[in-house]
Structure formats: structure tokens, C-alpha cells
Amino acid sequence: MKYTNADKYFSFLELAKKAVEVTDLSPLSADEEKILNFIAITNARGERLSVTDILGRRELAPSMTMQRKLKALIQKGWIFQEPTEDGRRFQLQLTDNTLDHFKKFSKAMQKAAKSS
């Protein structure tokens, strides 16, 4: 069976798997990955995302689950909390290691797109 239309995607999956295998960060559960991706997209748009804001995102996870998953993401080194100017709220930010991890994924996508 030939997958000509899907070959680039399969190539990306293979390269992405290799990128995950060489990361210094702890592995993520599916829920943690979904939350991390939401934080990353929000940050990439230049939008601020507080802990309070994300706790209200029921499509990601129930509030109690979200609190546990955010704590896990912080402990695993994927995100950190940055205090706002008044110190009463915290913004969720990606760590430098997480940004490096996403850069590896970006390179994998570019490499897969160039492959024939």
C-alpha cells in the first residue's frame, strides 16, 4: 500500500518521536500535552494567560484536574509562573527548555516537508 499523500506526515511523526526521545524534560500525559500546547499557542499570540484564566478553560480539563496538571507541568520543568506587576496574579510562561523542545519539533516539520 502506498501512502504518497501521507508520507510527509509519517516522516514528521518519526522525526518528532526522535525529538521527544532526546529531550531533558520529563514525559507528558495526554492531558498535560494538551494544556501545554494551549499555553504555547496563547504565548505565541502574545496574549497573557494567568492561572485563573486557564482554570476556566473547561474544554481542557476540569478545574481540579487542571490544578494538578499545571503543578505537574511546573514540577517537570515545562512551564513556570511569572508574577504580574501587582504580584497578585501569575502568568503562565514556557521555560527555555520547552522553547528548545518546540524548536526541535519545528525543525522536524521543516525536514519532513522538504523530504520527497
N, C-alpha and C. Protein backbone atom coordinates (compact mmCIF):
# COMPACT_ATOMS: atom_id res chain seq x y z
N MET A 1 0.85 -1.18 0.00
CA MET A 1 0.00 0.00 0.00
C MET A 1 0.89 1.24 0.00
N LYS A 2 0.57 2.17 -0.83
CA LYS A 2 1.38 3.37 -0.95
C LYS A 2 0.68 4.56 -0.30
N TYR A 3 1.43 5.31 0.52
CA TYR A 3 0.88 6.44 1.27
C TYR A 3 1.43 7.77 0.76
N THR A 4 1.50 7.94 -0.52
CA THR A 4 2.18 9.11 -1.07
C THR A 4 1.70 10.43 -0.48
N ASN A 5 0.42 10.56 -0.24
CA ASN A 5 -0.09 11.82 0.29
C ASN A 5 0.20 12.00 1.77
N ALA A 6 0.47 10.91 2.47
CA ALA A 6 0.68 10.97 3.91
C ALA A 6 2.15 10.78 4.30
N ASP A 7 3.01 10.54 3.34
CA ASP A 7 4.42 10.26 3.65
C ASP A 7 5.09 11.35 4.46
N LYS A 8 4.81 12.59 4.13
CA LYS A 8 5.45 13.70 4.85
C LYS A 8 4.99 13.74 6.30
N TYR A 9 3.72 13.44 6.52
CA TYR A 9 3.21 13.41 7.89
C TYR A 9 3.85 12.26 8.67
N PHE A 10 3.96 11.09 8.05
CA PHE A 10 4.59 9.96 8.71
C PHE A 10 6.06 10.26 9.02
N SER A 11 6.72 10.92 8.09
CA SER A 11 8.11 11.32 8.31
C SER A 11 8.21 12.28 9.49
N PHE A 12 7.27 13.23 9.56
CA PHE A 12 7.26 14.16 10.69
C PHE A 12 7.07 13.41 12.00
N LEU A 13 6.12 12.46 12.05
CA LEU A 13 5.88 11.70 13.28
C LEU A 13 7.14 10.98 13.74
N GLU A 14 7.86 10.42 12.79
CA GLU A 14 9.09 9.71 13.12
C GLU A 14 10.15 10.68 13.67
N LEU A 15 10.30 11.82 13.02
CA LEU A 15 11.27 12.81 13.48
C LEU A 15 10.86 13.41 14.82
N ALA A 16 9.56 13.63 15.01
CA ALA A 16 9.07 14.18 16.28
C ALA A 16 9.31 13.20 17.41
N LYS A 17 9.13 11.92 17.15
CA LYS A 17 9.38 10.89 18.17
C LYS A 17 10.84 10.94 18.60
N LYS A 18 11.73 11.09 17.65
CA LYS A 18 13.16 11.19 17.97
C LYS A 18 13.45 12.44 18.80
N ALA A 19 12.78 13.54 18.49
CA ALA A 19 12.97 14.79 19.25
C ALA A 19 12.52 14.61 20.69
N VAL A 20 11.43 13.89 20.90
CA VAL A 20 10.93 13.64 22.25
C VAL A 20 11.90 12.76 23.01
N GLU A 21 12.50 11.80 22.34
CA GLU A 21 13.41 10.86 22.99
C GLU A 21 14.67 11.53 23.51
N VAL A 22 15.09 12.63 22.91
CA VAL A 22 16.34 13.28 23.32
C VAL A 22 16.14 14.49 24.23
N THR A 23 14.90 14.76 24.62
CA THR A 23 14.65 15.91 25.48
C THR A 23 15.07 15.61 26.92
N ASP A 24 15.50 16.64 27.63
CA ASP A 24 15.86 16.51 29.04
C ASP A 24 14.64 16.63 29.94
N LEU A 25 13.50 16.98 29.36
CA LEU A 25 12.28 17.19 30.14
C LEU A 25 11.55 15.87 30.35
N SER A 26 10.81 15.81 31.45
CA SER A 26 10.03 14.61 31.77
C SER A 26 8.89 14.43 30.77
N PRO A 27 8.52 13.19 30.49
CA PRO A 27 7.41 12.94 29.56
C PRO A 27 6.09 13.51 30.07
N LEU A 28 5.20 13.77 29.13
CA LEU A 28 3.90 14.35 29.45
C LEU A 28 2.77 13.35 29.23
N SER A 29 1.73 13.48 30.04
CA SER A 29 0.49 12.74 29.77
C SER A 29 -0.22 13.45 28.64
N ALA A 30 -1.24 12.82 28.10
CA ALA A 30 -2.01 13.44 27.01
C ALA A 30 -2.66 14.74 27.47
N ASP A 31 -3.21 14.75 28.69
CA ASP A 31 -3.81 15.98 29.22
C ASP A 31 -2.78 17.08 29.41
N GLU A 32 -1.61 16.72 29.92
CA GLU A 32 -0.55 17.72 30.11
C GLU A 32 -0.10 18.29 28.78
N GLU A 33 0.01 17.45 27.78
CA GLU A 33 0.42 17.92 26.45
C GLU A 33 -0.62 18.87 25.86
N LYS A 34 -1.89 18.56 26.04
CA LYS A 34 -2.97 19.42 25.54
C LYS A 34 -2.91 20.79 26.23
N ILE A 35 -2.70 20.80 27.54
CA ILE A 35 -2.62 22.05 28.30
C ILE A 35 -1.38 22.83 27.88
N LEU A 36 -0.24 22.14 27.76
CA LEU A 36 1.00 22.80 27.35
C LEU A 36 0.84 23.44 25.98
N ASN A 37 0.24 22.73 25.05
CA ASN A 37 0.04 23.28 23.70
C ASN A 37 -0.85 24.52 23.74
N PHE A 38 -1.88 24.50 24.58
CA PHE A 38 -2.74 25.68 24.73
C PHE A 38 -1.94 26.86 25.26
N ILE A 39 -1.12 26.62 26.27
CA ILE A 39 -0.27 27.69 26.83
C ILE A 39 0.68 28.21 25.76
N ALA A 40 1.28 27.30 25.00
CA ALA A 40 2.24 27.70 23.96
C ALA A 40 1.58 28.55 22.88
N ILE A 41 0.41 28.14 22.43
CA ILE A 41 -0.30 28.90 21.40
C ILE A 41 -0.69 30.28 21.92
N THR A 42 -1.17 30.33 23.14
CA THR A 42 -1.56 31.61 23.73
C THR A 42 -0.35 32.54 23.84
N ASN A 43 0.77 32.00 24.30
CA ASN A 43 2.00 32.79 24.40
C ASN A 43 2.48 33.25 23.02
N ALA A 44 2.39 32.37 22.03
CA ALA A 44 2.84 32.71 20.67
C ALA A 44 2.02 33.85 20.08
N ARG A 45 0.76 33.94 20.47
CA ARG A 45 -0.10 35.03 20.01
C ARG A 45 0.18 36.34 20.75
N GLY A 46 1.04 36.27 21.74
CA GLY A 46 1.35 37.47 22.52
C GLY A 46 0.31 37.77 23.58
N GLU A 47 -0.57 36.81 23.85
CA GLU A 47 -1.62 37.01 24.85
C GLU A 47 -1.11 36.55 26.22
N ARG A 48 -1.59 37.22 27.24
CA ARG A 48 -1.25 36.85 28.60
C ARG A 48 -2.22 35.78 29.08
N LEU A 49 -1.71 34.82 29.81
CA LEU A 49 -2.54 33.73 30.30
C LEU A 49 -2.23 33.51 31.78
N SER A 50 -3.19 33.83 32.61
CA SER A 50 -2.99 33.64 34.05
C SER A 50 -3.50 32.26 34.46
N VAL A 51 -3.11 31.86 35.65
CA VAL A 51 -3.59 30.61 36.21
C VAL A 51 -5.12 30.64 36.29
N THR A 52 -5.66 31.76 36.73
CA THR A 52 -7.11 31.92 36.83
C THR A 52 -7.77 31.75 35.47
N ASP A 53 -7.17 32.33 34.43
CA ASP A 53 -7.71 32.22 33.07
C ASP A 53 -7.80 30.77 32.62
N ILE A 54 -6.73 30.02 32.82
CA ILE A 54 -6.70 28.65 32.31
C ILE A 54 -7.57 27.71 33.14
N LEU A 55 -7.76 28.03 34.41
CA LEU A 55 -8.64 27.21 35.24
C LEU A 55 -10.07 27.25 34.73
N GLY A 56 -10.43 28.31 34.05
CA GLY A 56 -11.77 28.44 33.49
C GLY A 56 -11.96 27.74 32.15
N ARG A 57 -10.92 27.18 31.60
CA ARG A 57 -10.99 26.51 30.29
C ARG A 57 -11.42 25.06 30.47
N ARG A 58 -12.70 24.85 30.61
CA ARG A 58 -13.26 23.52 30.88
C ARG A 58 -13.02 22.53 29.74
N GLU A 59 -12.82 23.04 28.52
CA GLU A 59 -12.58 22.12 27.40
C GLU A 59 -11.22 21.43 27.51
N LEU A 60 -10.32 22.00 28.31
CA LEU A 60 -9.01 21.40 28.51
C LEU A 60 -9.04 20.34 29.61
N ALA A 61 -9.69 20.67 30.72
CA ALA A 61 -9.78 19.74 31.85
C ALA A 61 -10.63 20.39 32.94
N PRO A 62 -11.25 19.56 33.79
CA PRO A 62 -11.97 20.13 34.94
C PRO A 62 -10.99 20.89 35.85
N SER A 63 -11.51 21.81 36.62
CA SER A 63 -10.69 22.70 37.43
C SER A 63 -9.68 21.97 38.33
N MET A 64 -10.14 20.96 39.05
CA MET A 64 -9.24 20.23 39.95
C MET A 64 -8.16 19.48 39.18
N THR A 65 -8.54 18.89 38.06
CA THR A 65 -7.56 18.21 37.22
C THR A 65 -6.56 19.22 36.67
N MET A 66 -7.06 20.38 36.24
CA MET A 66 -6.21 21.42 35.70
C MET A 66 -5.17 21.84 36.74
N GLN A 67 -5.58 22.02 37.97
CA GLN A 67 -4.63 22.41 39.02
C GLN A 67 -3.53 21.37 39.17
N ARG A 68 -3.90 20.10 39.17
CA ARG A 68 -2.90 19.02 39.29
C ARG A 68 -1.97 19.00 38.09
N LYS A 69 -2.53 19.18 36.90
CA LYS A 69 -1.72 19.13 35.68
C LYS A 69 -0.78 20.33 35.59
N LEU A 70 -1.25 21.51 35.98
CA LEU A 70 -0.36 22.69 35.99
C LEU A 70 0.79 22.48 36.96
N LYS A 71 0.48 21.96 38.12
CA LYS A 71 1.52 21.68 39.12
C LYS A 71 2.54 20.68 38.56
N ALA A 72 2.05 19.65 37.87
CA ALA A 72 2.94 18.66 37.27
C ALA A 72 3.81 19.29 36.19
N LEU A 73 3.21 20.15 35.35
CA LEU A 73 3.99 20.81 34.29
C LEU A 73 5.09 21.69 34.87
N ILE A 74 4.79 22.34 35.98
CA ILE A 74 5.80 23.17 36.65
C ILE A 74 6.90 22.28 37.23
N GLN A 75 6.52 21.23 37.93
CA GLN A 75 7.50 20.33 38.54
C GLN A 75 8.37 19.63 37.50
N LYS A 76 7.80 19.33 36.35
CA LYS A 76 8.55 18.67 35.28
C LYS A 76 9.43 19.64 34.49
N GLY A 77 9.29 20.94 34.75
CA GLY A 77 10.13 21.93 34.09
C GLY A 77 9.63 22.43 32.75
N TRP A 78 8.37 22.19 32.42
CA TRP A 78 7.83 22.63 31.13
C TRP A 78 7.36 24.08 31.16
N ILE A 79 6.81 24.52 32.29
CA ILE A 79 6.29 25.89 32.42
C ILE A 79 6.71 26.47 33.76
N PHE A 80 6.54 27.78 33.90
CA PHE A 80 6.75 28.45 35.18
C PHE A 80 5.72 29.55 35.32
N GLN A 81 5.56 30.01 36.55
CA GLN A 81 4.62 31.10 36.83
C GLN A 81 5.41 32.38 37.03
N GLU A 82 5.03 33.40 36.30
CA GLU A 82 5.67 34.70 36.40
C GLU A 82 4.69 35.67 37.04
N PRO A 83 5.08 36.31 38.16
CA PRO A 83 4.14 37.23 38.81
C PRO A 83 3.85 38.45 37.93
N THR A 84 2.63 38.95 38.03
CA THR A 84 2.27 40.18 37.31
C THR A 84 2.85 41.38 38.05
N GLU A 85 2.66 42.56 37.46
CA GLU A 85 3.22 43.78 38.04
C GLU A 85 2.75 44.00 39.48
N ASP A 86 1.50 43.70 39.76
CA ASP A 86 0.98 43.94 41.11
C ASP A 86 1.24 42.75 42.05
N GLY A 87 1.74 41.64 41.51
CA GLY A 87 2.09 40.49 42.33
C GLY A 87 0.91 39.66 42.81
N ARG A 88 -0.30 40.01 42.40
CA ARG A 88 -1.46 39.27 42.88
C ARG A 88 -1.83 38.10 41.97
N ARG A 89 -1.40 38.14 40.73
CA ARG A 89 -1.70 37.07 39.78
C ARG A 89 -0.40 36.55 39.18
N PHE A 90 -0.49 35.38 38.58
CA PHE A 90 0.67 34.79 37.94
C PHE A 90 0.34 34.45 36.49
N GLN A 91 1.27 34.76 35.60
CA GLN A 91 1.14 34.43 34.19
C GLN A 91 1.90 33.12 33.94
N LEU A 92 1.34 32.28 33.09
CA LEU A 92 1.99 31.03 32.74
C LEU A 92 2.91 31.26 31.55
N GLN A 93 4.14 30.82 31.70
CA GLN A 93 5.16 31.01 30.67
C GLN A 93 5.85 29.69 30.38
N LEU A 94 6.38 29.55 29.19
CA LEU A 94 7.16 28.37 28.82
C LEU A 94 8.60 28.54 29.28
N THR A 95 9.22 27.46 29.72
CA THR A 95 10.63 27.51 30.09
C THR A 95 11.49 27.52 28.83
N ASP A 96 12.75 27.88 28.99
CA ASP A 96 13.68 27.86 27.84
C ASP A 96 13.80 26.44 27.27
N ASN A 97 13.82 25.43 28.15
CA ASN A 97 13.90 24.04 27.66
C ASN A 97 12.68 23.68 26.83
N THR A 98 11.53 24.18 27.21
CA THR A 98 10.31 23.91 26.44
C THR A 98 10.38 24.59 25.08
N LEU A 99 10.86 25.81 25.06
CA LEU A 99 11.01 26.51 23.77
C LEU A 99 11.98 25.75 22.87
N ASP A 100 13.07 25.24 23.44
CA ASP A 100 14.01 24.43 22.66
C ASP A 100 13.34 23.18 22.12
N HIS A 101 12.51 22.57 22.93
CA HIS A 101 11.77 21.37 22.53
C HIS A 101 10.86 21.69 21.33
N PHE A 102 10.15 22.79 21.40
CA PHE A 102 9.28 23.18 20.28
C PHE A 102 10.09 23.54 19.04
N LYS A 103 11.28 24.09 19.21
CA LYS A 103 12.15 24.36 18.06
C LYS A 103 12.54 23.07 17.35
N LYS A 104 12.79 22.00 18.14
CA LYS A 104 13.12 20.70 17.55
C LYS A 104 11.94 20.18 16.73
N PHE A 105 10.73 20.35 17.26
CA PHE A 105 9.54 19.94 16.52
C PHE A 105 9.42 20.73 15.23
N SER A 106 9.70 22.02 15.30
CA SER A 106 9.62 22.87 14.11
C SER A 106 10.61 22.40 13.05
N LYS A 107 11.83 22.09 13.49
CA LYS A 107 12.84 21.59 12.55
C LYS A 107 12.40 20.26 11.95
N ALA A 108 11.78 19.41 12.77
CA ALA A 108 11.29 18.12 12.27
C ALA A 108 10.22 18.34 11.20
N MET A 109 9.34 19.30 11.43
CA MET A 109 8.29 19.60 10.44
C MET A 109 8.92 20.10 9.15
N GLN A 110 9.89 20.99 9.26
CA GLN A 110 10.54 21.54 8.07
C GLN A 110 11.27 20.44 7.30
N LYS A 111 11.96 19.56 8.04
CA LYS A 111 12.69 18.48 7.39
C LYS A 111 11.72 17.53 6.69
N ALA A 112 10.62 17.21 7.36
CA ALA A 112 9.63 16.31 6.76
C ALA A 112 9.01 16.95 5.51
N ALA A 113 8.77 18.25 5.55
CA ALA A 113 8.18 18.95 4.40
C ALA A 113 9.10 18.96 3.21
N LYS A 114 10.40 18.99 3.47
CA LYS A 114 11.38 19.02 2.37
C LYS A 114 11.61 17.64 1.78
N SER A 115 11.33 16.59 2.57
CA SER A 115 11.57 15.22 2.05
C SER A 115 10.59 14.91 0.93
N SER A 116 11.02 14.04 0.05
CA SER A 116 10.13 13.72 -1.08
C SER A 116 9.48 12.38 -0.94
